[in-house]
């Protein structure tokens, strides 16, 4: 049994895809750019919102209006991040069970810091002890660098011993590896088993309650 759980947020604890896609397309629509399907946006996420928008905007960051579109996305998402977002079935109960066992729980995300912390306060107020989002301005590099994990462990006041990383993407697998932690890959998120296997996944779960049996 692990004693510390470091979770990814989008695609692992929360189904955020529809709200992300709505904000992407709202920003694109304002600047008469082609919109994307929800499934296309699924493949854009994982490396932070700036890269998400670089993938969504024609020409990426080189587009002359990129910064304006990116700002429009950020404004819309901060106002609408909870429109349809919800925890995956069983997640709140599993987090409560882990805390009841005395386990420590943190979230690390490439999502904007303010959005990460607000979503965790809203959905997991009594279970997620530390929530760290994108904070490169403070010198904390985005995943797959280990910085957010290191910051979370420091904030919890624990070491790497008996800690595990739980996520749904290739970025999460690499983050765990760089942080020196075992990785559990979930199969209800934004990437499928074959994709994860191709990116080095070794341990899978198909339901949140399987975490309580590992």
N, C-alpha and C. Protein backbone atom coordinates (compact mmCIF):
# COMPACT_ATOMS: atom_id res chain seq x y z
N UNK A 1 0.84 -1.19 0.00
CA UNK A 1 0.00 0.00 0.00
C UNK A 1 0.88 1.25 0.00
N UNK A 2 0.57 2.18 -0.88
CA UNK A 2 1.29 3.45 -0.89
C UNK A 2 0.75 4.37 0.20
N UNK A 3 1.59 5.31 0.63
CA UNK A 3 1.14 6.24 1.66
C UNK A 3 0.96 7.66 1.13
N UNK A 4 1.48 7.94 -0.07
CA UNK A 4 1.33 9.26 -0.69
C UNK A 4 0.91 9.08 -2.15
N UNK A 5 -0.14 9.78 -2.55
CA UNK A 5 -0.67 9.70 -3.91
C UNK A 5 -0.60 11.07 -4.56
N UNK A 6 0.14 11.15 -5.66
CA UNK A 6 0.23 12.38 -6.45
C UNK A 6 -0.58 12.16 -7.72
N UNK A 7 -1.66 12.91 -7.87
CA UNK A 7 -2.57 12.72 -8.99
C UNK A 7 -2.43 13.81 -10.04
N UNK A 8 -2.51 13.41 -11.30
CA UNK A 8 -2.83 14.35 -12.38
C UNK A 8 -4.29 14.76 -12.19
N UNK A 9 -4.71 15.85 -12.86
CA UNK A 9 -6.08 16.33 -12.68
C UNK A 9 -6.97 15.99 -13.89
N UNK A 10 -6.71 16.63 -15.04
CA UNK A 10 -7.55 16.43 -16.22
C UNK A 10 -7.40 15.01 -16.77
N UNK A 11 -8.50 14.31 -16.91
CA UNK A 11 -8.45 12.96 -17.45
C UNK A 11 -8.15 11.90 -16.41
N UNK A 12 -7.83 12.33 -15.18
CA UNK A 12 -7.52 11.39 -14.11
C UNK A 12 -8.53 11.51 -12.98
N UNK A 13 -8.66 12.71 -12.41
CA UNK A 13 -9.66 12.95 -11.38
C UNK A 13 -10.92 13.60 -11.95
N UNK A 14 -10.74 14.51 -12.89
CA UNK A 14 -11.87 15.28 -13.44
C UNK A 14 -11.99 15.08 -14.95
N UNK A 15 -13.23 14.96 -15.41
CA UNK A 15 -13.52 14.97 -16.84
C UNK A 15 -13.75 16.43 -17.24
N UNK A 16 -12.71 17.05 -17.76
CA UNK A 16 -12.72 18.48 -18.08
C UNK A 16 -12.82 18.75 -19.57
N UNK A 17 -12.92 17.70 -20.37
CA UNK A 17 -12.73 17.84 -21.81
C UNK A 17 -13.74 18.77 -22.47
N UNK A 18 -15.02 18.63 -22.14
CA UNK A 18 -16.03 19.46 -22.80
C UNK A 18 -15.84 20.94 -22.49
N UNK A 19 -15.49 21.27 -21.25
CA UNK A 19 -15.27 22.68 -20.91
C UNK A 19 -14.03 23.23 -21.59
N UNK A 20 -12.97 22.42 -21.68
CA UNK A 20 -11.77 22.86 -22.40
C UNK A 20 -12.09 23.11 -23.87
N UNK A 21 -12.81 22.17 -24.49
CA UNK A 21 -13.14 22.32 -25.91
C UNK A 21 -14.03 23.54 -26.14
N UNK A 22 -14.97 23.78 -25.24
CA UNK A 22 -15.86 24.95 -25.38
C UNK A 22 -15.06 26.24 -25.32
N UNK A 23 -14.07 26.30 -24.44
CA UNK A 23 -13.27 27.52 -24.31
C UNK A 23 -12.34 27.69 -25.51
N UNK A 24 -11.77 26.59 -25.99
CA UNK A 24 -10.95 26.65 -27.20
C UNK A 24 -11.76 27.21 -28.36
N UNK A 25 -12.93 26.64 -28.56
CA UNK A 25 -13.73 27.04 -29.72
C UNK A 25 -14.33 28.43 -29.57
N UNK A 26 -14.64 28.85 -28.35
CA UNK A 26 -15.12 30.21 -28.15
C UNK A 26 -14.04 31.22 -28.56
N UNK A 27 -12.80 30.95 -28.16
CA UNK A 27 -11.70 31.86 -28.52
C UNK A 27 -11.47 31.86 -30.04
N UNK A 28 -11.47 30.68 -30.64
CA UNK A 28 -11.26 30.60 -32.09
C UNK A 28 -12.37 31.31 -32.85
N UNK A 29 -13.59 31.14 -32.37
CA UNK A 29 -14.76 31.76 -33.02
C UNK A 29 -14.66 33.28 -33.02
N UNK A 30 -14.14 33.83 -31.93
CA UNK A 30 -14.02 35.29 -31.83
C UNK A 30 -13.09 35.86 -32.90
N UNK A 31 -12.16 35.04 -33.37
CA UNK A 31 -11.18 35.52 -34.34
C UNK A 31 -11.35 34.84 -35.71
N UNK A 32 -12.56 34.31 -35.94
CA UNK A 32 -12.90 33.70 -37.24
C UNK A 32 -11.93 32.62 -37.66
N UNK A 33 -11.52 31.81 -36.69
CA UNK A 33 -10.64 30.68 -36.98
C UNK A 33 -11.45 29.38 -36.94
N UNK A 34 -11.02 28.36 -37.67
CA UNK A 34 -11.78 27.11 -37.68
C UNK A 34 -11.80 26.44 -36.31
N UNK A 35 -12.97 25.91 -35.94
CA UNK A 35 -13.13 25.26 -34.65
C UNK A 35 -12.71 23.79 -34.74
N UNK A 36 -12.63 23.14 -33.57
CA UNK A 36 -12.20 21.75 -33.50
C UNK A 36 -13.23 20.89 -32.78
N UNK A 37 -13.29 19.63 -33.14
CA UNK A 37 -14.17 18.69 -32.45
C UNK A 37 -13.63 18.42 -31.05
N UNK A 38 -14.51 17.94 -30.18
CA UNK A 38 -14.08 17.58 -28.83
C UNK A 38 -12.99 16.51 -28.89
N UNK A 39 -13.11 15.56 -29.82
CA UNK A 39 -12.11 14.50 -29.91
C UNK A 39 -10.76 15.05 -30.35
N UNK A 40 -10.77 16.06 -31.23
CA UNK A 40 -9.51 16.68 -31.63
C UNK A 40 -8.86 17.37 -30.43
N UNK A 41 -9.66 18.09 -29.65
CA UNK A 41 -9.13 18.78 -28.47
C UNK A 41 -8.56 17.77 -27.48
N UNK A 42 -9.17 16.59 -27.38
CA UNK A 42 -8.65 15.53 -26.51
C UNK A 42 -7.17 15.26 -26.78
N UNK A 43 -6.78 15.32 -28.05
CA UNK A 43 -5.40 15.03 -28.42
C UNK A 43 -4.49 16.24 -28.31
N UNK A 44 -5.08 17.42 -28.08
CA UNK A 44 -4.28 18.62 -27.91
C UNK A 44 -3.83 18.82 -26.46
N UNK A 45 -4.56 18.23 -25.51
CA UNK A 45 -4.33 18.53 -24.10
C UNK A 45 -3.19 17.69 -23.52
N UNK A 46 -2.67 18.14 -22.37
CA UNK A 46 -1.67 17.36 -21.65
C UNK A 46 -0.39 18.11 -21.38
N UNK A 47 -0.10 19.13 -22.19
CA UNK A 47 1.16 19.86 -22.04
C UNK A 47 0.96 21.31 -21.62
N UNK A 48 -0.19 21.59 -21.02
CA UNK A 48 -0.47 22.96 -20.61
C UNK A 48 -1.33 23.70 -21.62
N UNK A 49 -1.96 24.80 -21.15
CA UNK A 49 -2.93 25.47 -22.01
C UNK A 49 -2.28 26.25 -23.14
N UNK A 50 -1.06 26.70 -22.96
CA UNK A 50 -0.42 27.41 -24.07
C UNK A 50 -0.19 26.48 -25.26
N UNK A 51 0.34 25.29 -24.98
CA UNK A 51 0.54 24.33 -26.06
C UNK A 51 -0.79 23.84 -26.62
N UNK A 52 -1.79 23.74 -25.77
CA UNK A 52 -3.14 23.40 -26.24
C UNK A 52 -3.57 24.38 -27.32
N UNK A 53 -3.41 25.68 -27.05
CA UNK A 53 -3.84 26.69 -28.02
C UNK A 53 -2.89 26.78 -29.22
N UNK A 54 -1.61 26.48 -29.01
CA UNK A 54 -0.71 26.45 -30.16
C UNK A 54 -1.14 25.36 -31.14
N UNK A 55 -1.66 24.26 -30.60
CA UNK A 55 -2.13 23.18 -31.47
C UNK A 55 -3.48 23.52 -32.11
N UNK A 56 -4.25 24.38 -31.45
CA UNK A 56 -5.60 24.69 -31.94
C UNK A 56 -5.62 25.83 -32.95
N UNK A 57 -4.70 26.77 -32.82
CA UNK A 57 -4.68 27.95 -33.70
C UNK A 57 -3.90 27.63 -34.97
N UNK A 58 -4.44 27.97 -36.13
CA UNK A 58 -3.70 27.73 -37.38
C UNK A 58 -2.35 28.46 -37.35
N UNK A 59 -1.29 27.71 -37.59
CA UNK A 59 0.04 28.32 -37.56
C UNK A 59 0.63 28.42 -36.17
N UNK A 60 -0.15 28.03 -35.15
CA UNK A 60 0.36 28.02 -33.78
C UNK A 60 0.77 29.38 -33.28
N UNK A 61 1.85 29.39 -32.50
CA UNK A 61 2.31 30.63 -31.86
C UNK A 61 2.80 31.66 -32.87
N UNK A 62 3.07 31.24 -34.09
CA UNK A 62 3.54 32.19 -35.10
C UNK A 62 2.40 33.00 -35.70
N UNK A 63 1.15 32.61 -35.44
CA UNK A 63 0.02 33.38 -35.96
C UNK A 63 0.04 34.77 -35.31
N UNK A 64 -0.13 35.84 -36.11
CA UNK A 64 -0.03 37.19 -35.55
C UNK A 64 -1.04 37.51 -34.45
N UNK A 65 -2.14 36.77 -34.40
CA UNK A 65 -3.14 37.03 -33.37
C UNK A 65 -3.12 35.99 -32.25
N UNK A 66 -2.05 35.17 -32.22
CA UNK A 66 -2.05 34.07 -31.25
C UNK A 66 -2.23 34.55 -29.82
N UNK A 67 -1.50 35.56 -29.40
CA UNK A 67 -1.57 35.99 -28.00
C UNK A 67 -2.97 36.47 -27.64
N UNK A 68 -3.64 37.12 -28.59
CA UNK A 68 -5.01 37.58 -28.33
C UNK A 68 -5.96 36.39 -28.19
N UNK A 69 -5.81 35.40 -29.05
CA UNK A 69 -6.67 34.21 -28.97
C UNK A 69 -6.40 33.46 -27.67
N UNK A 70 -5.13 33.35 -27.30
CA UNK A 70 -4.77 32.67 -26.07
C UNK A 70 -5.36 33.38 -24.86
N UNK A 71 -5.32 34.69 -24.86
CA UNK A 71 -5.90 35.47 -23.76
C UNK A 71 -7.41 35.27 -23.71
N UNK A 72 -8.05 35.20 -24.88
CA UNK A 72 -9.50 34.98 -24.93
C UNK A 72 -9.85 33.61 -24.37
N UNK A 73 -9.04 32.61 -24.68
CA UNK A 73 -9.26 31.27 -24.11
C UNK A 73 -9.17 31.31 -22.60
N UNK A 74 -8.13 31.94 -22.08
CA UNK A 74 -7.91 31.97 -20.63
C UNK A 74 -9.09 32.65 -19.92
N UNK A 75 -9.56 33.76 -20.48
CA UNK A 75 -10.70 34.47 -19.87
C UNK A 75 -11.94 33.58 -19.84
N UNK A 76 -12.22 32.94 -20.97
CA UNK A 76 -13.43 32.11 -21.06
C UNK A 76 -13.32 30.92 -20.13
N UNK A 77 -12.14 30.29 -20.11
CA UNK A 77 -12.02 29.08 -19.29
C UNK A 77 -12.13 29.38 -17.81
N UNK A 78 -11.55 30.47 -17.34
CA UNK A 78 -11.64 30.81 -15.92
C UNK A 78 -13.09 31.07 -15.52
N UNK A 79 -13.90 31.53 -16.47
CA UNK A 79 -15.32 31.80 -16.16
C UNK A 79 -16.20 30.57 -16.34
N UNK A 80 -15.72 29.57 -17.07
CA UNK A 80 -16.58 28.44 -17.43
C UNK A 80 -15.96 27.07 -17.12
N UNK A 81 -14.95 27.03 -16.25
CA UNK A 81 -14.23 25.78 -15.99
C UNK A 81 -15.07 24.74 -15.28
N UNK A 82 -16.22 25.16 -14.73
CA UNK A 82 -17.06 24.20 -13.99
C UNK A 82 -18.42 24.00 -14.65
N UNK A 83 -18.57 24.43 -15.89
CA UNK A 83 -19.88 24.31 -16.55
C UNK A 83 -20.33 22.85 -16.65
N UNK A 84 -19.48 21.99 -17.17
CA UNK A 84 -19.84 20.58 -17.31
C UNK A 84 -18.81 19.65 -16.65
N UNK A 85 -17.69 20.20 -16.19
CA UNK A 85 -16.65 19.40 -15.56
C UNK A 85 -17.19 18.69 -14.32
N UNK A 86 -16.76 17.45 -14.16
CA UNK A 86 -17.20 16.68 -12.99
C UNK A 86 -16.17 15.59 -12.70
N UNK A 87 -16.13 15.11 -11.46
CA UNK A 87 -15.23 14.00 -11.15
C UNK A 87 -15.69 12.73 -11.88
N UNK A 88 -14.73 11.89 -12.25
CA UNK A 88 -15.09 10.58 -12.78
C UNK A 88 -15.78 9.76 -11.68
N UNK A 89 -16.67 8.90 -12.10
CA UNK A 89 -17.44 8.08 -11.15
C UNK A 89 -16.52 7.33 -10.20
N UNK A 90 -16.76 7.48 -8.92
CA UNK A 90 -15.98 6.77 -7.91
C UNK A 90 -14.80 7.54 -7.36
N UNK A 91 -14.37 8.61 -8.03
CA UNK A 91 -13.18 9.34 -7.60
C UNK A 91 -13.36 9.97 -6.21
N UNK A 92 -14.45 10.71 -5.94
CA UNK A 92 -14.56 11.31 -4.61
C UNK A 92 -14.52 10.28 -3.48
N UNK A 93 -15.17 9.15 -3.70
CA UNK A 93 -15.20 8.10 -2.67
C UNK A 93 -13.81 7.50 -2.45
N UNK A 94 -13.06 7.31 -3.53
CA UNK A 94 -11.71 6.74 -3.40
C UNK A 94 -10.78 7.72 -2.69
N UNK A 95 -10.87 9.00 -3.03
CA UNK A 95 -10.03 9.99 -2.35
C UNK A 95 -10.36 10.03 -0.86
N UNK A 96 -11.64 9.96 -0.53
CA UNK A 96 -12.05 9.96 0.88
C UNK A 96 -11.51 8.72 1.60
N UNK A 97 -11.56 7.58 0.91
CA UNK A 97 -11.06 6.33 1.51
C UNK A 97 -9.56 6.40 1.74
N UNK A 98 -8.82 6.98 0.80
CA UNK A 98 -7.38 7.12 0.96
C UNK A 98 -7.05 8.02 2.16
N UNK A 99 -7.76 9.12 2.27
CA UNK A 99 -7.51 10.03 3.40
C UNK A 99 -7.89 9.37 4.72
N UNK A 100 -8.97 8.59 4.70
CA UNK A 100 -9.38 7.90 5.93
C UNK A 100 -8.33 6.90 6.39
N UNK A 101 -7.56 6.38 5.44
CA UNK A 101 -6.48 5.45 5.77
C UNK A 101 -5.21 6.17 6.21
N UNK A 102 -5.25 7.49 6.18
CA UNK A 102 -4.08 8.26 6.58
C UNK A 102 -3.13 8.59 5.44
N UNK A 103 -3.54 8.30 4.21
CA UNK A 103 -2.69 8.59 3.06
C UNK A 103 -2.70 10.09 2.77
N UNK A 104 -1.61 10.56 2.19
CA UNK A 104 -1.49 11.95 1.78
C UNK A 104 -1.86 12.05 0.30
N UNK A 105 -2.52 13.17 -0.08
CA UNK A 105 -3.04 13.31 -1.43
C UNK A 105 -2.72 14.70 -1.98
N UNK A 106 -2.13 14.73 -3.17
CA UNK A 106 -1.84 16.00 -3.84
C UNK A 106 -2.19 15.88 -5.32
N UNK A 107 -2.36 17.04 -5.95
CA UNK A 107 -2.62 17.11 -7.39
C UNK A 107 -1.55 17.97 -8.03
N UNK A 108 -1.02 17.52 -9.16
CA UNK A 108 -0.10 18.33 -9.96
C UNK A 108 -0.64 18.35 -11.40
N UNK A 109 -0.68 19.53 -11.99
CA UNK A 109 -1.31 19.69 -13.30
C UNK A 109 -0.55 20.70 -14.13
N UNK A 110 -0.66 20.57 -15.46
CA UNK A 110 -0.14 21.59 -16.36
C UNK A 110 -1.21 22.65 -16.66
N UNK A 111 -2.37 22.51 -16.04
CA UNK A 111 -3.41 23.53 -16.15
C UNK A 111 -2.97 24.78 -15.40
N UNK A 112 -3.54 25.92 -15.75
CA UNK A 112 -3.25 27.17 -15.05
C UNK A 112 -3.39 27.00 -13.54
N UNK A 113 -2.48 27.61 -12.79
CA UNK A 113 -2.48 27.46 -11.33
C UNK A 113 -3.84 27.83 -10.73
N UNK A 114 -4.38 28.98 -11.12
CA UNK A 114 -5.64 29.43 -10.52
C UNK A 114 -6.77 28.45 -10.78
N UNK A 115 -6.84 27.93 -12.01
CA UNK A 115 -7.89 26.97 -12.35
C UNK A 115 -7.70 25.66 -11.61
N UNK A 116 -6.46 25.19 -11.52
CA UNK A 116 -6.17 23.94 -10.80
C UNK A 116 -6.62 24.04 -9.35
N UNK A 117 -6.25 25.12 -8.70
CA UNK A 117 -6.58 25.25 -7.29
C UNK A 117 -8.07 25.46 -7.07
N UNK A 118 -8.71 26.22 -7.95
CA UNK A 118 -10.15 26.45 -7.79
C UNK A 118 -10.95 25.16 -8.00
N UNK A 119 -10.57 24.38 -9.01
CA UNK A 119 -11.27 23.12 -9.26
C UNK A 119 -11.09 22.15 -8.09
N UNK A 120 -9.89 22.08 -7.54
CA UNK A 120 -9.67 21.17 -6.41
C UNK A 120 -10.41 21.65 -5.16
N UNK A 121 -10.46 22.96 -4.94
CA UNK A 121 -11.23 23.49 -3.80
C UNK A 121 -12.71 23.17 -3.96
N UNK A 122 -13.19 23.27 -5.19
CA UNK A 122 -14.62 23.07 -5.44
C UNK A 122 -15.02 21.60 -5.34
N UNK A 123 -14.25 20.73 -6.00
CA UNK A 123 -14.65 19.32 -6.08
C UNK A 123 -14.08 18.44 -4.97
N UNK A 124 -12.91 18.80 -4.46
CA UNK A 124 -12.24 17.93 -3.47
C UNK A 124 -11.77 18.73 -2.26
N UNK A 125 -12.66 19.49 -1.62
CA UNK A 125 -12.23 20.41 -0.56
C UNK A 125 -11.64 19.73 0.67
N UNK A 126 -12.04 18.49 0.92
CA UNK A 126 -11.61 17.81 2.14
C UNK A 126 -10.63 16.67 1.90
N UNK A 127 -10.22 16.48 0.64
CA UNK A 127 -9.37 15.33 0.35
C UNK A 127 -8.04 15.70 -0.31
N UNK A 128 -8.04 16.66 -1.22
CA UNK A 128 -6.80 17.08 -1.87
C UNK A 128 -6.12 18.13 -0.99
N UNK A 129 -4.97 17.77 -0.45
CA UNK A 129 -4.28 18.66 0.49
C UNK A 129 -3.46 19.75 -0.21
N UNK A 130 -2.87 19.41 -1.35
CA UNK A 130 -2.01 20.33 -2.08
C UNK A 130 -2.38 20.24 -3.56
N UNK A 131 -2.55 21.39 -4.20
CA UNK A 131 -2.84 21.44 -5.64
C UNK A 131 -1.88 22.41 -6.30
N UNK A 132 -1.11 21.91 -7.25
CA UNK A 132 -0.11 22.74 -7.92
C UNK A 132 -0.37 22.71 -9.42
N UNK A 133 -0.55 23.90 -9.99
CA UNK A 133 -0.75 24.03 -11.42
C UNK A 133 0.46 24.65 -12.09
N UNK A 134 0.27 25.12 -13.30
CA UNK A 134 1.36 25.73 -14.07
C UNK A 134 1.88 26.96 -13.34
N UNK A 135 3.20 26.99 -13.05
CA UNK A 135 3.80 28.07 -12.28
C UNK A 135 5.23 28.32 -12.74
N UNK A 136 5.43 28.35 -14.06
CA UNK A 136 6.78 28.49 -14.59
C UNK A 136 7.38 29.85 -14.26
N UNK A 137 6.53 30.85 -14.01
CA UNK A 137 7.04 32.17 -13.63
C UNK A 137 7.80 32.10 -12.31
N UNK A 138 7.48 31.10 -11.50
CA UNK A 138 8.19 30.92 -10.22
C UNK A 138 9.35 29.94 -10.33
N UNK A 139 9.64 29.52 -11.57
CA UNK A 139 10.76 28.60 -11.78
C UNK A 139 10.40 27.13 -11.65
N UNK A 140 9.08 26.84 -11.53
CA UNK A 140 8.63 25.44 -11.45
C UNK A 140 8.23 25.01 -12.86
N UNK A 141 9.04 24.17 -13.45
CA UNK A 141 8.78 23.75 -14.83
C UNK A 141 7.55 22.85 -14.92
N UNK A 142 6.89 22.93 -16.07
CA UNK A 142 5.72 22.09 -16.32
C UNK A 142 6.14 20.62 -16.42
N UNK A 143 5.16 19.74 -16.18
CA UNK A 143 5.37 18.33 -16.49
C UNK A 143 5.68 18.20 -17.98
N UNK A 144 6.56 17.28 -18.39
CA UNK A 144 7.06 16.12 -17.65
C UNK A 144 8.30 16.37 -16.78
N UNK A 145 8.72 17.64 -16.62
CA UNK A 145 9.76 17.90 -15.61
C UNK A 145 9.21 17.48 -14.25
N UNK A 146 10.08 17.11 -13.31
CA UNK A 146 9.61 16.62 -12.01
C UNK A 146 9.26 17.73 -11.02
N UNK A 147 9.38 18.99 -11.43
CA UNK A 147 9.30 20.12 -10.49
C UNK A 147 7.99 20.18 -9.72
N UNK A 148 6.85 19.96 -10.40
CA UNK A 148 5.57 20.05 -9.69
C UNK A 148 5.43 18.94 -8.67
N UNK A 149 5.94 17.76 -9.00
CA UNK A 149 5.90 16.65 -8.05
C UNK A 149 6.79 16.96 -6.85
N UNK A 150 7.99 17.47 -7.12
CA UNK A 150 8.90 17.84 -6.03
C UNK A 150 8.25 18.87 -5.13
N UNK A 151 7.59 19.86 -5.74
CA UNK A 151 6.94 20.92 -4.96
C UNK A 151 5.79 20.36 -4.13
N UNK A 152 5.06 19.41 -4.69
CA UNK A 152 3.94 18.80 -3.97
C UNK A 152 4.44 18.00 -2.77
N UNK A 153 5.49 17.20 -2.97
CA UNK A 153 6.04 16.41 -1.87
C UNK A 153 6.56 17.33 -0.76
N UNK A 154 7.20 18.42 -1.18
CA UNK A 154 7.71 19.37 -0.18
C UNK A 154 6.57 20.00 0.60
N UNK A 155 5.49 20.39 -0.11
CA UNK A 155 4.35 21.01 0.56
C UNK A 155 3.66 20.04 1.51
N UNK A 156 3.64 18.75 1.14
CA UNK A 156 3.06 17.73 2.02
C UNK A 156 3.97 17.41 3.20
N UNK A 157 5.25 17.71 3.04
CA UNK A 157 6.21 17.39 4.09
C UNK A 157 6.58 15.93 4.13
N UNK A 158 6.59 15.29 2.94
CA UNK A 158 6.92 13.86 2.87
C UNK A 158 8.00 13.63 1.81
N UNK A 159 8.62 12.46 1.88
CA UNK A 159 9.61 12.08 0.89
C UNK A 159 9.01 11.20 -0.20
N UNK A 160 9.88 10.64 -1.03
CA UNK A 160 9.43 9.79 -2.14
C UNK A 160 9.07 8.37 -1.70
N UNK A 161 9.49 8.01 -0.48
CA UNK A 161 9.26 6.64 -0.03
C UNK A 161 7.75 6.38 0.01
N UNK A 162 7.33 5.29 -0.60
CA UNK A 162 5.92 4.87 -0.61
C UNK A 162 5.00 5.88 -1.30
N UNK A 163 5.58 6.70 -2.18
CA UNK A 163 4.76 7.62 -2.97
C UNK A 163 4.54 7.05 -4.37
N UNK A 164 3.40 7.38 -4.96
CA UNK A 164 3.07 6.90 -6.30
C UNK A 164 2.42 8.03 -7.09
N UNK A 165 2.64 8.01 -8.40
CA UNK A 165 2.04 9.00 -9.29
C UNK A 165 0.92 8.32 -10.08
N UNK A 166 -0.22 9.01 -10.21
CA UNK A 166 -1.37 8.45 -10.92
C UNK A 166 -1.79 9.42 -12.02
N UNK A 167 -1.82 8.95 -13.27
CA UNK A 167 -2.20 9.83 -14.38
C UNK A 167 -2.75 9.07 -15.56
N UNK A 168 -3.11 9.81 -16.61
CA UNK A 168 -3.78 9.19 -17.75
C UNK A 168 -3.03 9.35 -19.07
N UNK A 169 -1.84 9.97 -19.05
CA UNK A 169 -1.21 10.31 -20.33
C UNK A 169 0.26 9.94 -20.39
N UNK A 170 0.83 10.12 -21.58
CA UNK A 170 2.26 9.92 -21.78
C UNK A 170 3.06 10.94 -20.98
N UNK A 171 2.52 12.15 -20.85
CA UNK A 171 3.19 13.19 -20.05
C UNK A 171 3.30 12.73 -18.60
N UNK A 172 2.27 12.06 -18.11
CA UNK A 172 2.28 11.58 -16.72
C UNK A 172 3.30 10.46 -16.53
N UNK A 173 3.38 9.57 -17.50
CA UNK A 173 4.37 8.49 -17.41
C UNK A 173 5.78 9.07 -17.33
N UNK A 174 6.05 10.05 -18.18
CA UNK A 174 7.38 10.68 -18.19
C UNK A 174 7.63 11.46 -16.91
N UNK A 175 6.59 12.13 -16.40
CA UNK A 175 6.73 12.90 -15.16
C UNK A 175 7.11 11.98 -14.01
N UNK A 176 6.39 10.87 -13.88
CA UNK A 176 6.70 9.91 -12.82
C UNK A 176 8.13 9.40 -12.95
N UNK A 177 8.53 9.09 -14.16
CA UNK A 177 9.89 8.58 -14.38
C UNK A 177 10.93 9.62 -13.96
N UNK A 178 10.72 10.86 -14.37
CA UNK A 178 11.68 11.92 -14.03
C UNK A 178 11.69 12.21 -12.53
N UNK A 179 10.55 11.98 -11.87
CA UNK A 179 10.47 12.23 -10.43
C UNK A 179 10.92 11.03 -9.60
N UNK A 180 11.19 9.91 -10.27
CA UNK A 180 11.63 8.72 -9.56
C UNK A 180 10.52 8.02 -8.81
N UNK A 181 9.28 8.10 -9.35
CA UNK A 181 8.14 7.46 -8.70
C UNK A 181 7.55 6.39 -9.61
N UNK A 182 6.96 5.33 -9.02
CA UNK A 182 6.17 4.41 -9.84
C UNK A 182 4.96 5.13 -10.39
N UNK A 183 4.45 4.65 -11.51
CA UNK A 183 3.31 5.30 -12.17
C UNK A 183 2.17 4.31 -12.37
N UNK A 184 0.98 4.73 -11.98
CA UNK A 184 -0.24 3.98 -12.29
C UNK A 184 -0.98 4.74 -13.37
N UNK A 185 -1.25 4.08 -14.49
CA UNK A 185 -1.95 4.71 -15.61
C UNK A 185 -3.42 4.32 -15.59
N UNK A 186 -4.29 5.33 -15.62
CA UNK A 186 -5.73 5.07 -15.60
C UNK A 186 -6.26 4.97 -17.03
N UNK A 187 -7.27 4.15 -17.21
CA UNK A 187 -7.79 3.89 -18.56
C UNK A 187 -9.13 4.56 -18.82
N UNK A 188 -9.57 5.44 -17.93
CA UNK A 188 -10.83 6.15 -18.18
C UNK A 188 -10.59 7.57 -18.69
N UNK A 189 -9.32 7.94 -18.93
CA UNK A 189 -9.00 9.32 -19.27
C UNK A 189 -8.91 9.61 -20.75
N UNK A 190 -7.93 10.45 -21.11
CA UNK A 190 -7.85 11.00 -22.47
C UNK A 190 -7.00 10.16 -23.42
N UNK A 191 -6.34 9.10 -22.93
CA UNK A 191 -5.50 8.26 -23.78
C UNK A 191 -5.86 6.79 -23.57
N UNK A 192 -5.70 5.97 -24.61
CA UNK A 192 -6.10 4.56 -24.49
C UNK A 192 -4.90 3.67 -24.15
N UNK A 193 -5.18 2.41 -23.88
CA UNK A 193 -4.14 1.48 -23.41
C UNK A 193 -2.99 1.34 -24.39
N UNK A 194 -3.30 1.19 -25.68
CA UNK A 194 -2.22 0.96 -26.65
C UNK A 194 -1.30 2.18 -26.72
N UNK A 195 -1.87 3.36 -26.69
CA UNK A 195 -1.06 4.59 -26.69
C UNK A 195 -0.16 4.63 -25.46
N UNK A 196 -0.73 4.32 -24.30
CA UNK A 196 0.03 4.37 -23.06
C UNK A 196 1.13 3.30 -23.05
N UNK A 197 0.80 2.09 -23.54
CA UNK A 197 1.82 1.04 -23.63
C UNK A 197 2.98 1.48 -24.50
N UNK A 198 2.68 2.14 -25.60
CA UNK A 198 3.72 2.61 -26.51
C UNK A 198 4.60 3.68 -25.88
N UNK A 199 4.09 4.30 -24.81
CA UNK A 199 4.85 5.36 -24.13
C UNK A 199 5.38 4.90 -22.78
N UNK A 200 5.41 3.59 -22.56
CA UNK A 200 6.11 3.05 -21.41
C UNK A 200 5.28 2.72 -20.19
N UNK A 201 3.95 2.75 -20.32
CA UNK A 201 3.11 2.40 -19.16
C UNK A 201 3.31 0.93 -18.79
N UNK A 202 3.28 0.66 -17.49
CA UNK A 202 3.46 -0.71 -17.01
C UNK A 202 2.35 -1.19 -16.09
N UNK A 203 1.66 -0.25 -15.45
CA UNK A 203 0.60 -0.61 -14.49
C UNK A 203 -0.67 0.14 -14.86
N UNK A 204 -1.77 -0.60 -15.01
CA UNK A 204 -3.03 0.01 -15.43
C UNK A 204 -4.13 -0.27 -14.42
N UNK A 205 -5.07 0.66 -14.31
CA UNK A 205 -6.32 0.40 -13.60
C UNK A 205 -7.47 0.88 -14.47
N UNK A 206 -8.59 0.17 -14.39
CA UNK A 206 -9.75 0.51 -15.20
C UNK A 206 -10.86 1.18 -14.38
N UNK A 207 -10.74 1.10 -13.03
CA UNK A 207 -11.73 1.73 -12.14
C UNK A 207 -10.99 2.39 -10.98
N UNK A 208 -11.47 3.54 -10.51
CA UNK A 208 -10.78 4.21 -9.40
C UNK A 208 -10.63 3.34 -8.16
N UNK A 209 -11.62 2.49 -7.85
CA UNK A 209 -11.54 1.73 -6.60
C UNK A 209 -10.42 0.69 -6.61
N UNK A 210 -9.85 0.43 -7.79
CA UNK A 210 -8.69 -0.47 -7.84
C UNK A 210 -7.48 0.12 -7.13
N UNK A 211 -7.46 1.44 -6.98
CA UNK A 211 -6.36 2.06 -6.24
C UNK A 211 -6.31 1.57 -4.79
N UNK A 212 -7.47 1.24 -4.25
CA UNK A 212 -7.55 0.82 -2.85
C UNK A 212 -7.08 -0.61 -2.66
N UNK A 213 -6.87 -1.33 -3.78
CA UNK A 213 -6.48 -2.73 -3.68
C UNK A 213 -5.02 -2.95 -4.03
N UNK A 214 -4.33 -1.90 -4.44
CA UNK A 214 -2.92 -2.06 -4.87
C UNK A 214 -2.00 -2.12 -3.65
